[in-house]
Amino acid sequence: MAVEEAPHAERECNAALVRAFGFLGKRWNGVLLGSLASGPAGFGELRRVVAGISDSMLSDRLGELAAAGLIEREVEPGPPVAVTYRLSESGQALVPALNALTKWAEENLTADRCAGSEHRAD
């Protein structure tokens, strides 16, 4: 007597998760959001905090995050003119997920397991 196998359910990738990692997985985006989780910062401070990012890449990524509604850009008239970046309400909503991801990485991704990943370019 042959045992009939149940049909396998077709797996689908969660479209929202694909969008989230497509954006947050882009180099520097998650790191910048995590850096702004501790409070507003100017361009120069973010450049110092996010080691290895070029000025042009920082400018591009901040523009992308602002266009996505995750950060807000505030221009303070000068002289000198100062620009401050802060998480928007939508960006603040990501903080618990970023904290959980940070905790997971601290517990599961040792530096030697990630060797070379910091040299990846996007």
N, C-alpha and C. Protein backbone atom coordinates (compact mmCIF):
# COMPACT_ATOMS: atom_id res chain seq x y z
N MET A 1 0.84 -1.16 0.00
CA MET A 1 0.00 0.00 0.00
C MET A 1 0.89 1.23 0.00
N ALA A 2 0.69 2.08 -0.95
CA ALA A 2 1.51 3.29 -1.10
C ALA A 2 0.96 4.40 -0.20
N VAL A 3 1.88 5.07 0.44
CA VAL A 3 1.49 6.20 1.28
C VAL A 3 1.47 7.45 0.40
N GLU A 4 0.35 8.12 0.45
CA GLU A 4 0.20 9.31 -0.37
C GLU A 4 0.80 10.51 0.36
N GLU A 5 1.68 11.20 -0.32
CA GLU A 5 2.30 12.37 0.30
C GLU A 5 1.40 13.58 0.14
N ALA A 6 1.37 14.36 1.20
CA ALA A 6 0.61 15.60 1.15
C ALA A 6 1.33 16.57 0.23
N PRO A 7 0.57 17.33 -0.54
CA PRO A 7 1.23 18.29 -1.43
C PRO A 7 1.97 19.35 -0.60
N HIS A 8 3.12 19.74 -1.10
CA HIS A 8 3.90 20.77 -0.43
C HIS A 8 3.29 22.13 -0.70
N ALA A 9 3.20 22.90 0.34
CA ALA A 9 2.73 24.27 0.16
C ALA A 9 3.84 25.06 -0.51
N GLU A 10 3.46 25.83 -1.49
CA GLU A 10 4.46 26.65 -2.18
C GLU A 10 4.88 27.79 -1.27
N ARG A 11 6.18 27.95 -1.11
CA ARG A 11 6.70 29.03 -0.28
C ARG A 11 6.68 30.32 -1.06
N GLU A 12 6.37 31.35 -0.34
CA GLU A 12 6.43 32.68 -0.95
C GLU A 12 7.27 33.57 -0.06
N CYS A 13 7.98 34.41 -0.69
CA CYS A 13 8.78 35.37 0.05
C CYS A 13 7.87 36.54 0.43
N ASN A 14 7.95 36.97 1.67
CA ASN A 14 7.13 38.07 2.13
C ASN A 14 7.58 39.35 1.44
N ALA A 15 6.69 39.94 0.66
CA ALA A 15 7.03 41.13 -0.13
C ALA A 15 7.46 42.30 0.75
N ALA A 16 6.84 42.46 1.89
CA ALA A 16 7.21 43.56 2.78
C ALA A 16 8.63 43.36 3.32
N LEU A 17 8.97 42.12 3.64
CA LEU A 17 10.32 41.83 4.14
C LEU A 17 11.36 42.06 3.04
N VAL A 18 11.02 41.70 1.83
CA VAL A 18 11.92 41.94 0.69
C VAL A 18 12.16 43.45 0.55
N ARG A 19 11.10 44.24 0.62
CA ARG A 19 11.25 45.69 0.53
C ARG A 19 12.11 46.23 1.67
N ALA A 20 11.84 45.76 2.89
CA ALA A 20 12.58 46.24 4.06
C ALA A 20 14.06 45.95 3.93
N PHE A 21 14.43 44.71 3.60
CA PHE A 21 15.85 44.38 3.49
C PHE A 21 16.47 44.96 2.23
N GLY A 22 15.68 45.16 1.20
CA GLY A 22 16.19 45.81 0.01
C GLY A 22 16.66 47.22 0.31
N PHE A 23 15.96 47.88 1.21
CA PHE A 23 16.30 49.25 1.58
C PHE A 23 17.28 49.29 2.74
N LEU A 24 16.95 48.59 3.82
CA LEU A 24 17.80 48.62 5.02
C LEU A 24 19.09 47.84 4.82
N GLY A 25 19.08 46.89 3.91
CA GLY A 25 20.27 46.10 3.64
C GLY A 25 21.27 46.83 2.75
N LYS A 26 20.87 47.96 2.21
CA LYS A 26 21.78 48.76 1.41
C LYS A 26 22.85 49.32 2.33
N ARG A 27 24.08 49.20 1.92
CA ARG A 27 25.18 49.57 2.79
C ARG A 27 24.99 50.96 3.37
N TRP A 28 25.18 51.06 4.66
CA TRP A 28 25.14 52.26 5.49
C TRP A 28 23.76 52.68 5.95
N ASN A 29 22.68 52.30 5.27
CA ASN A 29 21.36 52.78 5.68
C ASN A 29 21.01 52.37 7.11
N GLY A 30 21.14 51.11 7.43
CA GLY A 30 20.84 50.65 8.78
C GLY A 30 21.76 51.26 9.82
N VAL A 31 23.03 51.40 9.47
CA VAL A 31 24.01 51.96 10.40
C VAL A 31 23.68 53.43 10.68
N LEU A 32 23.31 54.17 9.65
CA LEU A 32 22.94 55.58 9.84
C LEU A 32 21.69 55.70 10.70
N LEU A 33 20.70 54.86 10.45
CA LEU A 33 19.49 54.89 11.28
C LEU A 33 19.83 54.56 12.73
N GLY A 34 20.68 53.55 12.92
CA GLY A 34 21.09 53.19 14.27
C GLY A 34 21.85 54.32 14.95
N SER A 35 22.67 55.03 14.19
CA SER A 35 23.42 56.15 14.76
C SER A 35 22.49 57.28 15.17
N LEU A 36 21.45 57.51 14.40
CA LEU A 36 20.50 58.58 14.72
C LEU A 36 19.51 58.19 15.81
N ALA A 37 19.49 56.90 16.17
CA ALA A 37 18.59 56.45 17.23
C ALA A 37 18.95 57.09 18.57
N SER A 38 20.20 57.49 18.73
CA SER A 38 20.61 58.10 20.00
C SER A 38 20.40 59.61 20.01
N GLY A 39 19.89 60.16 18.92
CA GLY A 39 19.56 61.57 18.88
C GLY A 39 20.02 62.23 17.60
N PRO A 40 19.58 63.47 17.39
CA PRO A 40 19.94 64.21 16.17
C PRO A 40 21.44 64.40 16.04
N ALA A 41 21.89 64.51 14.79
CA ALA A 41 23.32 64.71 14.53
C ALA A 41 23.48 65.49 13.24
N GLY A 42 24.57 66.20 13.15
CA GLY A 42 24.93 66.91 11.93
C GLY A 42 25.73 66.02 11.01
N PHE A 43 25.96 66.51 9.80
CA PHE A 43 26.69 65.76 8.78
C PHE A 43 28.08 65.36 9.28
N GLY A 44 28.81 66.32 9.83
CA GLY A 44 30.18 66.05 10.30
C GLY A 44 30.22 65.01 11.40
N GLU A 45 29.27 65.08 12.31
CA GLU A 45 29.24 64.09 13.39
C GLU A 45 28.94 62.71 12.84
N LEU A 46 28.00 62.61 11.91
CA LEU A 46 27.69 61.32 11.30
C LEU A 46 28.89 60.77 10.54
N ARG A 47 29.63 61.65 9.87
CA ARG A 47 30.82 61.22 9.13
C ARG A 47 31.85 60.63 10.09
N ARG A 48 31.99 61.22 11.27
CA ARG A 48 32.94 60.70 12.26
C ARG A 48 32.46 59.39 12.88
N VAL A 49 31.17 59.30 13.15
CA VAL A 49 30.61 58.12 13.81
C VAL A 49 30.59 56.90 12.89
N VAL A 50 30.28 57.11 11.63
CA VAL A 50 30.18 56.02 10.67
C VAL A 50 31.52 55.91 9.93
N ALA A 51 32.44 55.23 10.55
CA ALA A 51 33.79 55.10 9.99
C ALA A 51 33.76 54.42 8.64
N GLY A 52 34.49 54.99 7.69
CA GLY A 52 34.62 54.37 6.38
C GLY A 52 33.68 54.90 5.32
N ILE A 53 32.73 55.75 5.68
CA ILE A 53 31.79 56.26 4.69
C ILE A 53 32.37 57.55 4.09
N SER A 54 32.27 57.68 2.79
CA SER A 54 32.75 58.89 2.12
C SER A 54 31.70 59.99 2.24
N ASP A 55 32.12 61.22 2.05
CA ASP A 55 31.19 62.34 2.10
C ASP A 55 30.07 62.20 1.07
N SER A 56 30.44 61.79 -0.15
CA SER A 56 29.42 61.66 -1.20
C SER A 56 28.44 60.53 -0.89
N MET A 57 28.93 59.41 -0.37
CA MET A 57 28.05 58.30 -0.01
C MET A 57 27.14 58.71 1.15
N LEU A 58 27.69 59.40 2.14
CA LEU A 58 26.89 59.87 3.27
C LEU A 58 25.78 60.79 2.78
N SER A 59 26.12 61.70 1.92
CA SER A 59 25.13 62.62 1.37
C SER A 59 24.05 61.85 0.61
N ASP A 60 24.45 60.89 -0.22
CA ASP A 60 23.49 60.08 -0.98
C ASP A 60 22.56 59.30 -0.05
N ARG A 61 23.15 58.63 0.94
CA ARG A 61 22.34 57.81 1.84
C ARG A 61 21.39 58.66 2.69
N LEU A 62 21.86 59.81 3.16
CA LEU A 62 20.97 60.69 3.93
C LEU A 62 19.81 61.17 3.06
N GLY A 63 20.09 61.45 1.80
CA GLY A 63 19.04 61.84 0.86
C GLY A 63 18.02 60.73 0.66
N GLU A 64 18.50 59.50 0.54
CA GLU A 64 17.61 58.34 0.37
C GLU A 64 16.74 58.13 1.61
N LEU A 65 17.36 58.23 2.79
CA LEU A 65 16.61 58.04 4.03
C LEU A 65 15.58 59.13 4.22
N ALA A 66 15.91 60.34 3.83
CA ALA A 66 14.95 61.44 3.93
C ALA A 66 13.81 61.24 2.93
N ALA A 67 14.15 60.85 1.70
CA ALA A 67 13.12 60.62 0.68
C ALA A 67 12.17 59.49 1.08
N ALA A 68 12.69 58.51 1.81
CA ALA A 68 11.87 57.39 2.28
C ALA A 68 11.05 57.75 3.51
N GLY A 69 11.29 58.94 4.05
CA GLY A 69 10.53 59.39 5.23
C GLY A 69 11.03 58.83 6.55
N LEU A 70 12.26 58.29 6.57
CA LEU A 70 12.79 57.72 7.80
C LEU A 70 13.58 58.71 8.63
N ILE A 71 14.09 59.74 7.99
CA ILE A 71 14.78 60.80 8.73
C ILE A 71 14.24 62.15 8.26
N GLU A 72 14.46 63.14 9.10
CA GLU A 72 14.10 64.51 8.76
C GLU A 72 15.36 65.35 8.73
N ARG A 73 15.40 66.25 7.81
CA ARG A 73 16.56 67.14 7.62
C ARG A 73 16.12 68.54 8.01
N GLU A 74 16.80 69.12 8.95
CA GLU A 74 16.47 70.46 9.41
C GLU A 74 17.64 71.39 9.13
N VAL A 75 17.36 72.46 8.39
CA VAL A 75 18.39 73.44 8.07
C VAL A 75 18.24 74.61 9.02
N GLU A 76 19.30 74.90 9.75
CA GLU A 76 19.32 76.02 10.67
C GLU A 76 20.08 77.16 10.01
N PRO A 77 19.39 78.30 9.82
CA PRO A 77 20.05 79.41 9.13
C PRO A 77 21.28 79.89 9.90
N GLY A 78 22.24 80.33 9.20
CA GLY A 78 23.51 80.74 9.81
C GLY A 78 23.60 82.22 9.93
N PRO A 79 24.73 82.77 9.83
CA PRO A 79 25.91 81.99 9.48
C PRO A 79 26.52 81.30 10.69
N PRO A 80 27.14 80.20 10.52
CA PRO A 80 27.12 79.34 9.34
C PRO A 80 25.84 78.52 9.32
N VAL A 81 25.45 78.12 8.14
CA VAL A 81 24.27 77.27 7.99
C VAL A 81 24.61 75.90 8.56
N ALA A 82 23.69 75.34 9.34
CA ALA A 82 23.91 74.01 9.92
C ALA A 82 22.74 73.11 9.54
N VAL A 83 23.04 71.88 9.22
CA VAL A 83 22.01 70.90 8.88
C VAL A 83 22.04 69.81 9.94
N THR A 84 20.87 69.51 10.48
CA THR A 84 20.74 68.46 11.49
C THR A 84 19.80 67.39 10.96
N TYR A 85 20.16 66.14 11.23
CA TYR A 85 19.34 65.00 10.81
C TYR A 85 18.81 64.32 12.07
N ARG A 86 17.55 63.90 12.00
CA ARG A 86 16.95 63.18 13.12
C ARG A 86 15.98 62.15 12.56
N LEU A 87 15.72 61.13 13.36
CA LEU A 87 14.76 60.12 12.94
C LEU A 87 13.37 60.73 12.90
N SER A 88 12.61 60.38 11.88
CA SER A 88 11.21 60.77 11.81
C SER A 88 10.41 59.80 12.69
N GLU A 89 9.13 59.98 12.73
CA GLU A 89 8.28 59.05 13.48
C GLU A 89 8.41 57.64 12.90
N SER A 90 8.45 57.57 11.59
CA SER A 90 8.61 56.27 10.93
C SER A 90 9.98 55.66 11.25
N GLY A 91 11.01 56.49 11.29
CA GLY A 91 12.35 56.01 11.65
C GLY A 91 12.40 55.56 13.10
N GLN A 92 11.73 56.30 13.99
CA GLN A 92 11.67 55.92 15.40
C GLN A 92 11.01 54.56 15.57
N ALA A 93 10.04 54.26 14.72
CA ALA A 93 9.35 52.97 14.80
C ALA A 93 10.29 51.80 14.50
N LEU A 94 11.41 52.08 13.83
CA LEU A 94 12.39 51.03 13.52
C LEU A 94 13.36 50.75 14.67
N VAL A 95 13.45 51.64 15.64
CA VAL A 95 14.44 51.50 16.71
C VAL A 95 14.35 50.16 17.44
N PRO A 96 13.17 49.70 17.84
CA PRO A 96 13.13 48.38 18.51
C PRO A 96 13.68 47.25 17.63
N ALA A 97 13.39 47.30 16.34
CA ALA A 97 13.92 46.27 15.43
C ALA A 97 15.43 46.39 15.29
N LEU A 98 15.94 47.62 15.21
CA LEU A 98 17.39 47.82 15.13
C LEU A 98 18.08 47.35 16.40
N ASN A 99 17.46 47.62 17.56
CA ASN A 99 18.02 47.14 18.83
C ASN A 99 18.04 45.62 18.89
N ALA A 100 16.97 44.99 18.43
CA ALA A 100 16.92 43.52 18.42
C ALA A 100 17.96 42.95 17.46
N LEU A 101 18.13 43.58 16.32
CA LEU A 101 19.13 43.12 15.35
C LEU A 101 20.54 43.29 15.90
N THR A 102 20.77 44.40 16.60
CA THR A 102 22.08 44.63 17.23
C THR A 102 22.37 43.56 18.27
N LYS A 103 21.38 43.26 19.10
CA LYS A 103 21.56 42.23 20.14
C LYS A 103 21.85 40.87 19.50
N TRP A 104 21.09 40.54 18.45
CA TRP A 104 21.31 39.28 17.76
C TRP A 104 22.73 39.21 17.19
N ALA A 105 23.19 40.31 16.57
CA ALA A 105 24.53 40.33 15.98
C ALA A 105 25.60 40.17 17.05
N GLU A 106 25.42 40.83 18.20
CA GLU A 106 26.38 40.71 19.29
C GLU A 106 26.48 39.28 19.79
N GLU A 107 25.37 38.57 19.79
CA GLU A 107 25.33 37.20 20.30
C GLU A 107 25.70 36.15 19.26
N ASN A 108 25.53 36.46 17.98
CA ASN A 108 25.67 35.43 16.95
C ASN A 108 26.70 35.69 15.87
N LEU A 109 27.12 36.92 15.71
CA LEU A 109 28.08 37.24 14.65
C LEU A 109 29.36 37.79 15.27
N THR A 110 30.31 36.92 15.44
CA THR A 110 31.60 37.37 15.95
C THR A 110 32.37 38.01 14.81
N ALA A 111 33.34 38.83 15.15
CA ALA A 111 34.12 39.54 14.14
C ALA A 111 34.77 38.58 13.14
N ASP A 112 35.27 37.44 13.62
CA ASP A 112 35.94 36.52 12.70
C ASP A 112 34.95 35.85 11.74
N ARG A 113 33.68 35.73 12.12
CA ARG A 113 32.68 35.13 11.23
C ARG A 113 32.27 36.09 10.13
N CYS A 114 32.53 37.38 10.34
CA CYS A 114 32.14 38.40 9.36
C CYS A 114 33.34 38.99 8.66
N ALA A 115 34.49 38.41 8.81
CA ALA A 115 35.72 38.97 8.22
C ALA A 115 35.52 39.21 6.73
N GLY A 116 35.89 40.41 6.32
CA GLY A 116 35.79 40.77 4.91
C GLY A 116 34.49 41.43 4.53
N SER A 117 33.45 41.29 5.33
CA SER A 117 32.15 41.87 4.95
C SER A 117 32.16 43.38 4.99
N GLU A 118 33.05 43.98 5.79
CA GLU A 118 33.09 45.44 5.87
C GLU A 118 33.71 46.07 4.63
N HIS A 119 34.27 45.24 3.76
CA HIS A 119 34.90 45.78 2.55
C HIS A 119 33.98 45.66 1.34
N ARG A 120 32.78 45.20 1.54
CA ARG A 120 31.81 45.05 0.47
C ARG A 120 31.33 46.43 0.04
N ALA A 121 31.18 46.65 -1.23
CA ALA A 121 30.70 47.95 -1.72
C ALA A 121 29.33 47.79 -2.34
N ASP A 122 28.48 48.78 -2.09
CA ASP A 122 27.15 48.82 -2.72
C ASP A 122 27.02 50.07 -3.56
